[in-house]
Amino acid sequence: MLIHEFLLAGLGLVILLLAGDTLVRGAVNLSLRLGIPAMIVSLTIVAFGTSAPELLISISAILDGVPGLALGNVVGSNTANILLVLGIPALIAGLDTSECDTRSDYVFMIGASVVFCVLAFFAPFTWWHGLILLTGLFYMLGNAAYSARCHRRDNGCSGPAIPVEEEELEGADPTMRWWKIILYMVLGLIGLPLGADLLVDSSVIIARSFGVSETAIGLTLVAVGTSLPELATTVMAALRRHAEVALGNVIGSNVFNLLAIIGISSFVGPIPVVPEILRFDLWMMLGASLLLIPYVYWRWTFGRITGIAFTSMYFAYVAFVLIGSAA
């Protein structure tokens, strides 16, 4: 029965979210124990941890012979991260970006998005596409490592230390023991592939039952599900008035989705790009990214009007994708 597949998909999603949360907790505390500042952690460790479900789902989808779900998941997640993950916190509490400076990271995200869109026209994604994307990822990580070293030097850190911004990160605990940090990371790494397999297998069956393509399911159902960690992190950051961490999480997650997930997955197997993604979804993702320009450069506040506009655009997009696919 189809209800059984929905239950399995829900179970897989719950396992993914719990595993992603434990992995983030372990990684955040490991990073803070090593003296890395909160903003850099949010752009790298937290972003990678919250993007881990997308990575495992993409790899699992390729191995299961449904690579369209992998690409749809990444493109759909990036769109959801901006319109939904930033839109809902704006509705709940608002995001005051007047003191945020994420310009350089935002430029890198736009650059990664443009490169990704260009490469998509030379599909399918194979190892040489992945090599280009991973080169960009290593550049970003190297730049983050350099910033971390500068931070430690400027603050006179000669050994592991806890930065003053640790309270901005969900799950940060300066007293957490090393064995507990390792346990969190191990549980996360075990749970992620288990949840990914359940969610992918069930989503494919559901899609075929309703006559919807795997790519459309990846762009909508799976994308929303795997964006829940980013949503939870951003909502908490908004409630705590840490707009910079919220923006950093979304920007970092989008960069990881494009460069790391497709970059790594392309070495597992070829990833075709369906015409619908080339005609519409890539441009929707890029357009949503460009909507952040006034909030990043002119420090506009994410208020309730912005929240209504962003979430309305996202639900209209989901309806368009599902109706178009079913037709």
C-alpha atoms as a PDB file:
ATOM      1  CA  MET A   1       0.000   0.000   0.000  1.00  0.00           C
ATOM      2  CA  LEU A   2       1.081   3.553  -0.734  1.00  0.00           C
ATOM      3  CA  ILE A   3       0.539   4.619   2.884  1.00  0.00           C
ATOM      4  CA  HIS A   4       3.367   2.241   3.791  1.00  0.00           C
ATOM      5  CA  GLU A   5       5.734   4.131   1.463  1.00  0.00           C
ATOM      6  CA  PHE A   6       4.731   7.478   2.969  1.00  0.00           C
ATOM      7  CA  LEU A   7       5.463   6.088   6.439  1.00  0.00           C
ATOM      8  CA  LEU A   8       8.849   4.775   5.314  1.00  0.00           C
ATOM      9  CA  ALA A   9       9.655   8.115   3.677  1.00  0.00           C
ATOM     10  CA  GLY A  10       8.691   9.881   6.900  1.00  0.00           C
ATOM     11  CA  LEU A  11      10.827   7.490   8.936  1.00  0.00           C
ATOM     12  CA  GLY A  12      13.768   8.032   6.610  1.00  0.00           C
ATOM     13  CA  LEU A  13      13.354  11.793   6.900  1.00  0.00           C
ATOM     14  CA  VAL A  14      13.220  11.652  10.706  1.00  0.00           C
ATOM     15  CA  ILE A  15      16.385   9.511  10.786  1.00  0.00           C
ATOM     16  CA  LEU A  16      18.072  11.960   8.391  1.00  0.00           C
ATOM     17  CA  LEU A  17      17.166  14.970  10.516  1.00  0.00           C
ATOM     18  CA  LEU A  18      18.236  13.352  13.791  1.00  0.00           C
ATOM     19  CA  ALA A  19      21.476  12.078  12.261  1.00  0.00           C
ATOM     20  CA  GLY A  20      22.195  15.466  10.709  1.00  0.00           C
ATOM     21  CA  ASP A  21      21.565  17.171  14.047  1.00  0.00           C
ATOM     22  CA  THR A  22      23.904  14.856  15.960  1.00  0.00           C
ATOM     23  CA  LEU A  23      26.581  15.254  13.285  1.00  0.00           C
ATOM     24  CA  VAL A  24      26.294  19.050  13.463  1.00  0.00           C
ATOM     25  CA  ARG A  25      26.495  19.007  17.267  1.00  0.00           C
ATOM     26  CA  GLY A  26      29.599  16.874  17.209  1.00  0.00           C
ATOM     27  CA  ALA A  27      31.251  18.868  14.425  1.00  0.00           C
ATOM     28  CA  VAL A  28      30.414  22.263  15.969  1.00  0.00           C
ATOM     29  CA  ASN A  29      31.872  21.354  19.340  1.00  0.00           C
ATOM     30  CA  LEU A  30      34.928  19.776  17.749  1.00  0.00           C
ATOM     31  CA  SER A  31      35.527  22.972  15.754  1.00  0.00           C
ATOM     32  CA  LEU A  32      35.003  25.247  18.722  1.00  0.00           C
ATOM     33  CA  ARG A  33      37.389  23.161  20.829  1.00  0.00           C
ATOM     34  CA  LEU A  34      39.966  23.798  18.106  1.00  0.00           C
ATOM     35  CA  GLY A  35      39.409  27.563  18.354  1.00  0.00           C
ATOM     36  CA  ILE A  36      37.499  28.270  15.125  1.00  0.00           C
ATOM     37  CA  PRO A  37      35.148  31.305  15.280  1.00  0.00           C
ATOM     38  CA  ALA A  38      31.363  30.889  15.053  1.00  0.00           C
ATOM     39  CA  MET A  39      30.851  32.653  11.710  1.00  0.00           C
ATOM     40  CA  ILE A  40      33.415  30.453   9.981  1.00  0.00           C
ATOM     41  CA  VAL A  41      31.888  27.369  11.614  1.00  0.00           C
ATOM     42  CA  SER A  42      28.428  28.383  10.351  1.00  0.00           C
ATOM     43  CA  LEU A  43      29.766  28.845   6.807  1.00  0.00           C
ATOM     44  CA  THR A  44      31.640  25.537   6.759  1.00  0.00           C
ATOM     45  CA  ILE A  45      31.020  22.895   9.455  1.00  0.00           C
ATOM     46  CA  VAL A  46      27.353  23.691  10.143  1.00  0.00           C
ATOM     47  CA  ALA A  47      26.644  24.234   6.449  1.00  0.00           C
ATOM     48  CA  PHE A  48      28.274  20.927   5.536  1.00  0.00           C
ATOM     49  CA  GLY A  49      26.503  19.108   8.377  1.00  0.00           C
ATOM     50  CA  THR A  50      23.077  20.421   7.399  1.00  0.00           C
ATOM     51  CA  SER A  51      23.842  19.549   3.757  1.00  0.00           C
ATOM     52  CA  ALA A  52      24.896  15.997   4.611  1.00  0.00           C
ATOM     53  CA  PRO A  53      21.373  14.594   3.999  1.00  0.00           C
ATOM     54  CA  GLU A  54      21.437  16.001   0.454  1.00  0.00           C
ATOM     55  CA  LEU A  55      24.840  14.385  -0.170  1.00  0.00           C
ATOM     56  CA  LEU A  56      23.764  10.948   1.028  1.00  0.00           C
ATOM     57  CA  ILE A  57      20.474  11.152  -0.875  1.00  0.00           C
ATOM     58  CA  SER A  58      22.244  12.154  -4.100  1.00  0.00           C
ATOM     59  CA  ILE A  59      24.745   9.297  -3.857  1.00  0.00           C
ATOM     60  CA  SER A  60      21.995   6.826  -2.973  1.00  0.00           C
ATOM     61  CA  ALA A  61      19.826   8.046  -5.877  1.00  0.00           C
ATOM     62  CA  ILE A  62      22.681   7.564  -8.386  1.00  0.00           C
ATOM     63  CA  LEU A  63      23.441   4.080  -7.084  1.00  0.00           C
ATOM     64  CA  ASP A  64      19.719   3.222  -7.278  1.00  0.00           C
ATOM     65  CA  GLY A  65      19.515   4.335 -10.910  1.00  0.00           C
ATOM     66  CA  VAL A  66      17.466   7.522 -10.413  1.00  0.00           C
ATOM     67  CA  PRO A  67      20.087  10.281 -10.883  1.00  0.00           C
ATOM     68  CA  GLY A  68      17.397  12.827 -11.779  1.00  0.00           C
ATOM     69  CA  LEU A  69      16.340  12.805  -8.129  1.00  0.00           C
ATOM     70  CA  ALA A  70      19.909  13.685  -7.132  1.00  0.00           C
ATOM     71  CA  LEU A  71      20.097  16.799  -9.291  1.00  0.00           C
ATOM     72  CA  GLY A  72      16.535  17.827  -8.486  1.00  0.00           C
ATOM     73  CA  ASN A  73      17.306  17.510  -4.794  1.00  0.00           C
ATOM     74  CA  VAL A  74      20.256  19.922  -5.008  1.00  0.00           C
ATOM     75  CA  VAL A  75      18.584  22.526  -7.233  1.00  0.00           C
ATOM     76  CA  GLY A  76      15.354  22.325  -5.258  1.00  0.00           C
ATOM     77  CA  SER A  77      17.160  22.544  -1.909  1.00  0.00           C
ATOM     78  CA  ASN A  78      18.993  25.714  -2.946  1.00  0.00           C
ATOM     79  CA  THR A  79      15.736  27.350  -3.990  1.00  0.00           C
ATOM     80  CA  ALA A  80      14.054  26.204  -0.774  1.00  0.00           C
ATOM     81  CA  ASN A  81      16.970  27.440   1.331  1.00  0.00           C
ATOM     82  CA  ILE A  82      16.429  31.014   0.158  1.00  0.00           C
ATOM     83  CA  LEU A  83      12.679  31.308  -0.310  1.00  0.00           C
ATOM     84  CA  LEU A  84      11.512  28.968   2.472  1.00  0.00           C
ATOM     85  CA  VAL A  85      14.389  28.747   4.949  1.00  0.00           C
ATOM     86  CA  LEU A  86      14.775  32.540   5.042  1.00  0.00           C
ATOM     87  CA  GLY A  87      11.093  33.274   4.414  1.00  0.00           C
ATOM     88  CA  ILE A  88       9.649  31.386   7.395  1.00  0.00           C
ATOM     89  CA  PRO A  89      12.014  32.937  10.005  1.00  0.00           C
ATOM     90  CA  ALA A  90      11.195  36.347   8.510  1.00  0.00           C
ATOM     91  CA  LEU A  91       7.520  35.612   9.137  1.00  0.00           C
ATOM     92  CA  ILE A  92       8.154  34.422  12.698  1.00  0.00           C
ATOM     93  CA  ALA A  93      10.714  36.862  14.072  1.00  0.00           C
ATOM     94  CA  GLY A  94      12.346  38.806  11.254  1.00  0.00           C
ATOM     95  CA  LEU A  95      16.048  39.038  10.470  1.00  0.00           C
ATOM     96  CA  ASP A  96      17.872  42.318  11.076  1.00  0.00           C
ATOM     97  CA  THR A  97      20.856  42.304   8.715  1.00  0.00           C
ATOM     98  CA  SER A  98      22.024  45.852   9.510  1.00  0.00           C
ATOM     99  CA  GLU A  99      25.200  44.545  11.155  1.00  0.00           C
ATOM    100  CA  CYS A 100      25.796  41.586   8.850  1.00  0.00           C
ATOM    101  CA  ASP A 101      28.685  41.501   6.417  1.00  0.00           C
ATOM    102  CA  THR A 102      28.304  38.436   4.219  1.00  0.00           C
ATOM    103  CA  ARG A 103      29.131  40.176   0.943  1.00  0.00           C
ATOM    104  CA  SER A 104      32.235  38.183   0.035  1.00  0.00           C
ATOM    105  CA  ASP A 105      30.558  34.864   0.868  1.00  0.00           C
ATOM    106  CA  TYR A 106      27.448  35.875  -1.071  1.00  0.00           C
ATOM    107  CA  VAL A 107      29.550  36.752  -4.130  1.00  0.00           C
ATOM    108  CA  PHE A 108      31.155  33.311  -3.907  1.00  0.00           C
ATOM    109  CA  MET A 109      27.687  31.704  -3.752  1.00  0.00           C
ATOM    110  CA  ILE A 110      26.550  33.594  -6.861  1.00  0.00           C
ATOM    111  CA  GLY A 111      29.779  32.642  -8.633  1.00  0.00           C
ATOM    112  CA  ALA A 112      29.286  28.977  -7.726  1.00  0.00           C
ATOM    113  CA  SER A 113      25.667  29.158  -8.948  1.00  0.00           C
ATOM    114  CA  VAL A 114      26.687  30.650 -12.306  1.00  0.00           C
ATOM    115  CA  VAL A 115      29.449  28.059 -12.831  1.00  0.00           C
ATOM    116  CA  PHE A 116      27.012  25.286 -11.945  1.00  0.00           C
ATOM    117  CA  CYS A 117      24.412  26.587 -14.429  1.00  0.00           C
ATOM    118  CA  VAL A 118      27.021  26.806 -17.200  1.00  0.00           C
ATOM    119  CA  LEU A 119      28.266  23.274 -16.518  1.00  0.00           C
ATOM    120  CA  ALA A 120      24.681  21.990 -16.592  1.00  0.00           C
ATOM    121  CA  PHE A 121      24.529  22.855 -20.306  1.00  0.00           C
ATOM    122  CA  PHE A 122      27.455  20.469 -20.829  1.00  0.00           C
ATOM    123  CA  ALA A 123      25.604  17.614 -19.138  1.00  0.00           C
ATOM    124  CA  PRO A 124      25.618  14.933 -18.022  1.00  0.00           C
ATOM    125  CA  PHE A 125      27.671  15.798 -14.963  1.00  0.00           C
ATOM    126  CA  THR A 126      30.698  13.499 -14.960  1.00  0.00           C
ATOM    127  CA  TRP A 127      34.090  13.416 -13.279  1.00  0.00           C
ATOM    128  CA  TRP A 128      35.444  16.499 -15.065  1.00  0.00           C
ATOM    129  CA  HIS A 129      32.442  18.554 -13.982  1.00  0.00           C
ATOM    130  CA  GLY A 130      33.029  17.263 -10.475  1.00  0.00           C
ATOM    131  CA  LEU A 131      36.692  18.219 -10.637  1.00  0.00           C
ATOM    132  CA  ILE A 132      35.803  21.818 -11.470  1.00  0.00           C
ATOM    133  CA  LEU A 133      33.188  22.000  -8.713  1.00  0.00           C
ATOM    134  CA  LEU A 134      35.460  20.436  -6.080  1.00  0.00           C
ATOM    135  CA  THR A 135      38.246  22.860  -7.011  1.00  0.00           C
ATOM    136  CA  GLY A 136      35.901  25.688  -6.092  1.00  0.00           C
ATOM    137  CA  LEU A 137      35.021  23.912  -2.840  1.00  0.00           C
ATOM    138  CA  PHE A 138      38.677  23.484  -1.872  1.00  0.00           C
ATOM    139  CA  TYR A 139      39.270  27.166  -2.593  1.00  0.00           C
ATOM    140  CA  MET A 140      36.425  28.100  -0.240  1.00  0.00           C
ATOM    141  CA  LEU A 141      37.675  25.772   2.486  1.00  0.00           C
ATOM    142  CA  GLY A 142      41.211  27.101   2.094  1.00  0.00           C
ATOM    143  CA  ASN A 143      39.957  30.652   2.403  1.00  0.00           C
ATOM    144  CA  ALA A 144      37.983  29.713   5.531  1.00  0.00           C
ATOM    145  CA  ALA A 145      41.050  28.042   7.035  1.00  0.00           C
ATOM    146  CA  TYR A 146      43.116  31.161   6.334  1.00  0.00           C
ATOM    147  CA  SER A 147      40.461  33.325   8.017  1.00  0.00           C
ATOM    148  CA  ALA A 148      40.471  31.002  11.020  1.00  0.00           C
ATOM    149  CA  ARG A 149      44.264  31.265  11.347  1.00  0.00           C
ATOM    150  CA  CYS A 150      44.036  35.064  11.142  1.00  0.00           C
ATOM    151  CA  HIS A 151      41.355  35.054  13.820  1.00  0.00           C
ATOM    152  CA  ARG A 152      43.496  32.933  16.143  1.00  0.00           C
ATOM    153  CA  ARG A 153      46.564  35.094  15.513  1.00  0.00           C
ATOM    154  CA  ASP A 154      44.712  38.377  16.055  1.00  0.00           C
ATOM    155  CA  ASN A 155      43.276  37.067  19.324  1.00  0.00           C
ATOM    156  CA  GLY A 156      46.565  35.645  20.509  1.00  0.00           C
ATOM    157  CA  CYS A 157      45.417  32.034  20.423  1.00  0.00           C
ATOM    158  CA  SER A 158      48.309  29.644  20.743  1.00  0.00           C
ATOM    159  CA  GLY A 159      46.208  26.579  21.427  1.00  0.00           C
ATOM    160  CA  PRO A 160      42.616  25.333  21.360  1.00  0.00           C
ATOM    161  CA  ALA A 161      40.218  27.934  22.662  1.00  0.00           C
ATOM    162  CA  ILE A 162      36.505  28.612  22.713  1.00  0.00           C
ATOM    163  CA  PRO A 163      35.613  31.731  20.692  1.00  0.00           C
ATOM    164  CA  VAL A 164      33.338  34.291  22.280  1.00  0.00           C
ATOM    165  CA  GLU A 165      30.675  33.705  19.608  1.00  0.00           C
ATOM    166  CA  GLU A 166      30.006  30.101  20.653  1.00  0.00           C
ATOM    167  CA  GLU A 167      26.563  30.937  22.040  1.00  0.00           C
ATOM    168  CA  GLU A 168      25.443  31.811  18.497  1.00  0.00           C
ATOM    169  CA  LEU A 169      25.669  28.192  17.393  1.00  0.00           C
ATOM    170  CA  GLU A 170      22.964  25.664  18.122  1.00  0.00           C
ATOM    171  CA  GLY A 171      24.364  22.734  20.093  1.00  0.00           C
ATOM    172  CA  ALA A 172      27.556  24.494  21.233  1.00  0.00           C
ATOM    173  CA  ASP A 173      28.685  23.188  24.627  1.00  0.00           C
ATOM    174  CA  PRO A 174      32.122  24.291  25.852  1.00  0.00           C
ATOM    175  CA  THR A 175      32.129  21.548  28.500  1.00  0.00           C
ATOM    176  CA  MET A 176      31.337  18.636  26.147  1.00  0.00           C
ATOM    177  CA  ARG A 177      33.804  15.779  26.586  1.00  0.00           C
ATOM    178  CA  TRP A 178      35.803  14.392  23.685  1.00  0.00           C
ATOM    179  CA  TRP A 179      34.136  10.952  23.845  1.00  0.00           C
ATOM    180  CA  LYS A 180      30.713  12.550  23.537  1.00  0.00           C
ATOM    181  CA  ILE A 181      31.799  14.643  20.548  1.00  0.00           C
ATOM    182  CA  ILE A 182      33.077  11.495  18.814  1.00  0.00           C
ATOM    183  CA  LEU A 183      29.873   9.592  19.688  1.00  0.00           C
ATOM    184  CA  TYR A 184      27.707  12.333  18.160  1.00  0.00           C
ATOM    185  CA  MET A 185      29.713  12.267  14.945  1.00  0.00           C
ATOM    186  CA  VAL A 186      29.685   8.462  14.673  1.00  0.00           C
ATOM    187  CA  LEU A 187      25.905   8.261  15.232  1.00  0.00           C
ATOM    188  CA  GLY A 188      25.388  10.957  12.620  1.00  0.00           C
ATOM    189  CA  LEU A 189      27.551   9.204  10.068  1.00  0.00           C
ATOM    190  CA  ILE A 190      25.692   5.919  10.627  1.00  0.00           C
ATOM    191  CA  GLY A 191      22.204   7.416  10.568  1.00  0.00           C
ATOM    192  CA  LEU A 192      22.609   9.547   7.454  1.00  0.00           C
ATOM    193  CA  PRO A 193      23.019   6.739   4.891  1.00  0.00           C
ATOM    194  CA  LEU A 194      20.271   4.678   6.564  1.00  0.00           C
ATOM    195  CA  GLY A 195      17.784   7.542   6.404  1.00  0.00           C
ATOM    196  CA  ALA A 196      18.827   8.434   2.863  1.00  0.00           C
ATOM    197  CA  ASP A 197      18.172   4.917   1.556  1.00  0.00           C
ATOM    198  CA  LEU A 198      14.704   4.808   3.123  1.00  0.00           C
ATOM    199  CA  LEU A 199      13.733   8.245   1.837  1.00  0.00           C
ATOM    200  CA  VAL A 200      15.034   7.722  -1.713  1.00  0.00           C
ATOM    201  CA  ASP A 201      13.471   4.289  -2.207  1.00  0.00           C
ATOM    202  CA  SER A 202      10.089   5.415  -0.874  1.00  0.00           C
ATOM    203  CA  SER A 203      10.112   8.698  -2.800  1.00  0.00           C
ATOM    204  CA  VAL A 204      10.707   6.903  -6.103  1.00  0.00           C
ATOM    205  CA  ILE A 205       7.754   4.573  -5.489  1.00  0.00           C
ATOM    206  CA  ILE A 206       5.512   7.507  -4.508  1.00  0.00           C
ATOM    207  CA  ALA A 207       6.546   9.488  -7.584  1.00  0.00           C
ATOM    208  CA  ARG A 208       5.806   6.633  -9.958  1.00  0.00           C
ATOM    209  CA  SER A 209       2.447   5.961  -8.275  1.00  0.00           C
ATOM    210  CA  PHE A 210       1.297   9.536  -8.920  1.00  0.00           C
ATOM    211  CA  GLY A 211       2.808   9.746 -12.394  1.00  0.00           C
ATOM    212  CA  VAL A 212       5.307  12.404 -11.279  1.00  0.00           C
ATOM    213  CA  SER A 213       8.946  12.259 -12.353  1.00  0.00           C
ATOM    214  CA  GLU A 214      11.737  11.487  -9.903  1.00  0.00           C
ATOM    215  CA  THR A 215      13.275  14.868 -10.781  1.00  0.00           C
ATOM    216  CA  ALA A 216      10.074  16.683  -9.737  1.00  0.00           C
ATOM    217  CA  ILE A 217       9.974  14.759  -6.457  1.00  0.00           C
ATOM    218  CA  GLY A 218      13.603  15.715  -5.860  1.00  0.00           C
ATOM    219  CA  LEU A 219      12.834  19.375  -6.607  1.00  0.00           C
ATOM    220  CA  THR A 220       9.926  19.452  -4.142  1.00  0.00           C
ATOM    221  CA  LEU A 221       9.276  16.704  -1.582  1.00  0.00           C
ATOM    222  CA  VAL A 222      12.855  15.567  -1.038  1.00  0.00           C
ATOM    223  CA  ALA A 223      14.248  19.109  -1.313  1.00  0.00           C
ATOM    224  CA  VAL A 224      11.924  20.413   1.405  1.00  0.00           C
ATOM    225  CA  GLY A 225      12.661  17.441   3.622  1.00  0.00           C
ATOM    226  CA  THR A 226      16.423  17.787   3.362  1.00  0.00           C
ATOM    227  CA  SER A 227      16.184  21.574   3.893  1.00  0.00           C
ATOM    228  CA  LEU A 228      14.578  21.090   7.323  1.00  0.00           C
ATOM    229  CA  PRO A 229      17.961  21.123   9.153  1.00  0.00           C
ATOM    230  CA  GLU A 230      18.759  24.492   7.583  1.00  0.00           C
ATOM    231  CA  LEU A 231      15.256  25.719   8.485  1.00  0.00           C
ATOM    232  CA  ALA A 232      15.625  24.657  12.120  1.00  0.00           C
ATOM    233  CA  THR A 233      19.044  26.302  12.389  1.00  0.00           C
ATOM    234  CA  THR A 234      17.836  29.531  10.767  1.00  0.00           C
ATOM    235  CA  VAL A 235      14.676  29.789  12.887  1.00  0.00           C
ATOM    236  CA  MET A 236      16.737  29.438  16.071  1.00  0.00           C
ATOM    237  CA  ALA A 237      19.207  32.034  14.821  1.00  0.00           C
ATOM    238  CA  ALA A 238      16.338  34.429  14.046  1.00  0.00           C
ATOM    239  CA  LEU A 239      14.784  33.961  17.489  1.00  0.00           C
ATOM    240  CA  ARG A 240      18.165  34.664  19.071  1.00  0.00           C
ATOM    241  CA  ARG A 241      18.670  37.736  16.850  1.00  0.00           C
ATOM    242  CA  HIS A 242      21.721  36.260  15.119  1.00  0.00           C
ATOM    243  CA  ALA A 243      20.947  37.199  11.512  1.00  0.00           C
ATOM    244  CA  GLU A 244      24.586  36.756  10.444  1.00  0.00           C
ATOM    245  CA  VAL A 245      24.583  33.109  11.494  1.00  0.00           C
ATOM    246  CA  ALA A 246      21.241  32.563   9.719  1.00  0.00           C
ATOM    247  CA  LEU A 247      22.529  34.076   6.470  1.00  0.00           C
ATOM    248  CA  GLY A 248      25.868  32.291   6.829  1.00  0.00           C
ATOM    249  CA  ASN A 249      24.128  28.950   7.210  1.00  0.00           C
ATOM    250  CA  VAL A 250      22.015  29.434   4.073  1.00  0.00           C
ATOM    251  CA  ILE A 251      24.872  30.792   1.957  1.00  0.00           C
ATOM    252  CA  GLY A 252      27.258  28.065   3.109  1.00  0.00           C
ATOM    253  CA  SER A 253      24.677  25.310   2.578  1.00  0.00           C
ATOM    254  CA  ASN A 254      23.937  26.481  -0.960  1.00  0.00           C
ATOM    255  CA  VAL A 255      27.631  26.554  -1.826  1.00  0.00           C
ATOM    256  CA  PHE A 256      28.129  23.050  -0.417  1.00  0.00           C
ATOM    257  CA  ASN A 257      25.071  21.770  -2.289  1.00  0.00           C
ATOM    258  CA  LEU A 258      26.436  22.963  -5.626  1.00  0.00           C
ATOM    259  CA  LEU A 259      30.140  22.278  -5.213  1.00  0.00           C
ATOM    260  CA  ALA A 260      30.396  19.359  -2.780  1.00  0.00           C
ATOM    261  CA  ILE A 261      27.247  17.323  -3.371  1.00  0.00           C
ATOM    262  CA  ILE A 262      27.203  17.337  -7.167  1.00  0.00           C
ATOM    263  CA  GLY A 263      31.002  17.450  -7.225  1.00  0.00           C
ATOM    264  CA  ILE A 264      31.315  14.264  -5.169  1.00  0.00           C
ATOM    265  CA  SER A 265      28.252  12.552  -6.655  1.00  0.00           C
ATOM    266  CA  SER A 266      29.527  13.004 -10.217  1.00  0.00           C
ATOM    267  CA  PHE A 267      32.390  10.631  -9.386  1.00  0.00           C
ATOM    268  CA  VAL A 268      29.850   7.969  -8.368  1.00  0.00           C
ATOM    269  CA  GLY A 269      28.051   8.019 -11.725  1.00  0.00           C
ATOM    270  CA  PRO A 270      26.876  10.339 -14.512  1.00  0.00           C
ATOM    271  CA  ILE A 271      24.108  12.794 -13.578  1.00  0.00           C
ATOM    272  CA  PRO A 272      21.887  13.761 -16.531  1.00  0.00           C
ATOM    273  CA  VAL A 273      20.145  17.128 -16.678  1.00  0.00           C
ATOM    274  CA  VAL A 274      16.562  16.949 -17.914  1.00  0.00           C
ATOM    275  CA  PRO A 275      15.356  19.730 -20.265  1.00  0.00           C
ATOM    276  CA  GLU A 276      12.869  21.032 -17.676  1.00  0.00           C
ATOM    277  CA  ILE A 277      15.676  21.879 -15.256  1.00  0.00           C
ATOM    278  CA  LEU A 278      17.623  23.679 -17.990  1.00  0.00           C
ATOM    279  CA  ARG A 279      14.573  25.657 -19.081  1.00  0.00           C
ATOM    280  CA  PHE A 280      13.209  26.695 -15.699  1.00  0.00           C
ATOM    281  CA  ASP A 281      14.524  25.300 -12.411  1.00  0.00           C
ATOM    282  CA  LEU A 282      18.139  26.439 -12.772  1.00  0.00           C
ATOM    283  CA  TRP A 283      16.980  29.983 -13.501  1.00  0.00           C
ATOM    284  CA  MET A 284      14.546  29.863 -10.594  1.00  0.00           C
ATOM    285  CA  MET A 285      17.429  28.886  -8.312  1.00  0.00           C
ATOM    286  CA  LEU A 286      19.636  31.663  -9.686  1.00  0.00           C
ATOM    287  CA  GLY A 287      16.821  34.209  -9.551  1.00  0.00           C
ATOM    288  CA  ALA A 288      16.058  33.352  -5.924  1.00  0.00           C
ATOM    289  CA  SER A 289      19.755  33.807  -5.113  1.00  0.00           C
ATOM    290  CA  LEU A 290      19.784  37.258  -6.735  1.00  0.00           C
ATOM    291  CA  LEU A 291      16.820  38.310  -4.579  1.00  0.00           C
ATOM    292  CA  LEU A 292      19.249  38.511  -1.649  1.00  0.00           C
ATOM    293  CA  ILE A 293      21.222  41.422  -3.176  1.00  0.00           C
ATOM    294  CA  PRO A 294      19.429  44.237  -1.271  1.00  0.00           C
ATOM    295  CA  TYR A 295      19.580  42.268   1.999  1.00  0.00           C
ATOM    296  CA  VAL A 296      23.299  41.583   1.649  1.00  0.00           C
ATOM    297  CA  TYR A 297      24.542  44.878   0.181  1.00  0.00           C
ATOM    298  CA  TRP A 298      22.021  47.453   1.395  1.00  0.00           C
ATOM    299  CA  ARG A 299      21.290  45.632   4.684  1.00  0.00           C
ATOM    300  CA  TRP A 300      17.535  45.510   4.199  1.00  0.00           C
ATOM    301  CA  THR A 301      15.710  43.772   7.061  1.00  0.00           C
ATOM    302  CA  PHE A 302      13.911  40.487   6.444  1.00  0.00           C
ATOM    303  CA  GLY A 303      10.486  41.538   7.718  1.00  0.00           C
ATOM    304  CA  ARG A 304       7.077  39.891   7.543  1.00  0.00           C
ATOM    305  CA  ILE A 305       6.338  41.329   4.089  1.00  0.00           C
ATOM    306  CA  THR A 306       9.535  39.714   2.826  1.00  0.00           C
ATOM    307  CA  GLY A 307       8.571  36.485   4.563  1.00  0.00           C
ATOM    308  CA  ILE A 308       5.144  36.476   2.902  1.00  0.00           C
ATOM    309  CA  ALA A 309       6.647  37.238  -0.507  1.00  0.00           C
ATOM    310  CA  PHE A 310       9.387  34.599  -0.257  1.00  0.00           C
ATOM    311  CA  THR A 311       7.151  31.784   1.034  1.00  0.00           C
ATOM    312  CA  SER A 312       4.404  32.608  -1.486  1.00  0.00           C
ATOM    313  CA  MET A 313       6.924  32.440  -4.328  1.00  0.00           C
ATOM    314  CA  TYR A 314       8.161  29.095  -3.081  1.00  0.00           C
ATOM    315  CA  PHE A 315       4.727  27.472  -2.814  1.00  0.00           C
ATOM    316  CA  ALA A 316       3.828  28.804  -6.267  1.00  0.00           C
ATOM    317  CA  TYR A 317       7.056  27.269  -7.590  1.00  0.00           C
ATOM    318  CA  VAL A 318       6.288  23.879  -6.015  1.00  0.00           C
ATOM    319  CA  ALA A 319       2.770  23.891  -7.463  1.00  0.00           C
ATOM    320  CA  PHE A 320       4.143  24.768 -10.907  1.00  0.00           C
ATOM    321  CA  VAL A 321       6.707  21.934 -10.803  1.00  0.00           C
ATOM    322  CA  LEU A 322       4.237  19.273  -9.645  1.00  0.00           C
ATOM    323  CA  ILE A 323       1.453  20.293 -12.029  1.00  0.00           C
ATOM    324  CA  GLY A 324       3.882  20.535 -14.948  1.00  0.00           C
ATOM    325  CA  SER A 325       5.377  17.127 -14.187  1.00  0.00           C
ATOM    326  CA  ALA A 326       2.006  15.422 -13.811  1.00  0.00           C
ATOM    327  CA  ALA A 327       0.800  16.930 -17.072  1.00  0.00           C
END
